[in-house]
Protein backbone atom coordinates (compact mmCIF):
# COMPACT_ATOMS: atom_id res chain seq x y z
CA ASP A 1 0.00 0.00 0.00
CA ILE A 2 1.21 3.50 -0.81
CA ILE A 3 -0.29 6.48 0.96
CA HIS A 4 0.23 10.21 0.75
CA THR A 5 1.21 12.22 3.81
CA THR A 6 1.35 15.98 4.18
CA THR A 7 4.74 17.60 4.73
CA GLU A 8 5.32 20.58 7.01
CA LYS A 9 5.25 22.86 3.99
CA GLY A 10 1.87 21.54 2.85
CA GLY A 11 3.21 19.32 0.06
CA TYR A 12 2.70 15.61 -0.23
CA THR A 13 5.12 12.75 0.01
CA MET A 14 4.57 9.11 -0.86
CA VAL A 15 5.02 6.46 1.83
CA ASN A 16 5.45 2.84 0.81
CA LEU A 17 3.84 0.85 3.59
CA ASN A 18 5.14 -2.39 2.09
CA GLU A 19 8.50 -1.41 3.62
CA GLY A 20 6.90 -1.22 7.07
CA MET A 21 6.75 -3.70 9.92
CA SER A 22 3.79 -5.26 11.68
CA THR A 23 3.21 -5.02 15.42
CA LYS A 24 4.49 -8.58 15.69
CA GLU A 25 7.79 -7.68 13.98
CA VAL A 26 8.21 -4.54 16.09
CA ALA A 27 7.46 -6.53 19.26
CA GLU A 28 10.15 -9.06 18.37
CA ILE A 29 12.71 -6.30 17.82
CA LEU A 30 11.85 -4.51 21.07
CA GLY A 31 11.45 -7.71 23.08
CA VAL A 32 7.92 -6.84 24.20
CA SER A 33 4.41 -8.13 23.50
CA GLU A 34 2.28 -7.06 20.54
CA ARG A 35 -0.14 -5.50 23.04
CA THR A 36 2.68 -3.30 24.35
CA VAL A 37 3.49 -2.19 20.79
CA ARG A 38 -0.18 -1.35 20.18
CA ASN A 39 -0.26 0.61 23.46
CA ILE A 40 2.89 2.53 22.43
CA CYS A 41 1.26 3.33 19.08
CA ASN A 42 -2.09 4.29 20.62
CA SER A 43 -0.34 6.69 23.00
CA LYS A 44 1.39 8.23 19.95
CA GLN A 45 4.89 7.56 21.27
CA ILE A 46 5.91 6.10 17.91
CA VAL A 47 5.00 7.30 14.43
CA HIS A 48 2.90 4.69 12.70
CA TYR A 49 0.24 4.24 10.03
CA LYS A 50 -3.15 2.59 10.42
CA VAL A 51 -4.72 0.87 7.46
CA GLY A 52 -8.05 -0.40 8.73
CA THR A 53 -7.11 -2.29 11.87
CA LYS A 54 -3.55 -2.95 10.69
CA ILE A 55 -0.71 -0.93 12.26
CA VAL A 56 2.43 -0.38 10.17
CA VAL A 57 5.69 1.06 11.51
CA LEU A 58 8.43 2.16 9.12
CA PRO A 59 12.02 1.20 10.04
CA GLU A 60 13.14 4.83 10.38
CA ASP A 61 10.25 5.56 12.74
CA LEU A 62 11.18 2.57 14.90
CA THR A 63 14.78 3.80 14.99
CA ASN A 64 13.59 7.27 16.02
CA TYR A 65 11.47 5.76 18.80
CA ILE A 66 14.35 3.63 20.07
CA ASN A 67 16.54 6.74 20.16
CA THR A 68 13.99 8.44 22.46
CA LEU A 69 14.47 5.61 24.95
CA LYS A 70 18.17 6.29 25.34
CA VAL A 71 19.18 7.36 28.83
CA GLU A 72 22.36 9.40 28.95
CA LYS A 73 24.88 8.83 31.70
CA GLU A 74 25.00 11.69 34.18
CA ILE A 75 28.40 13.17 34.88
């Protein structure tokens, strides 16, 4: 599936959802349950796409989410 999303400047960009991952795949990568992934998506902590009841997460959005989890060492 390919969908159009609006850019900050009001233009459109194409997103190929075939390159995305299911909640099951994301759960395996994060080491959590699919329910946890759905909760993370529902709370809008990770950018995702919904096609009907299907949730799709693009690899770069998963990487961005993982980077938000990083805890820096205090000096």
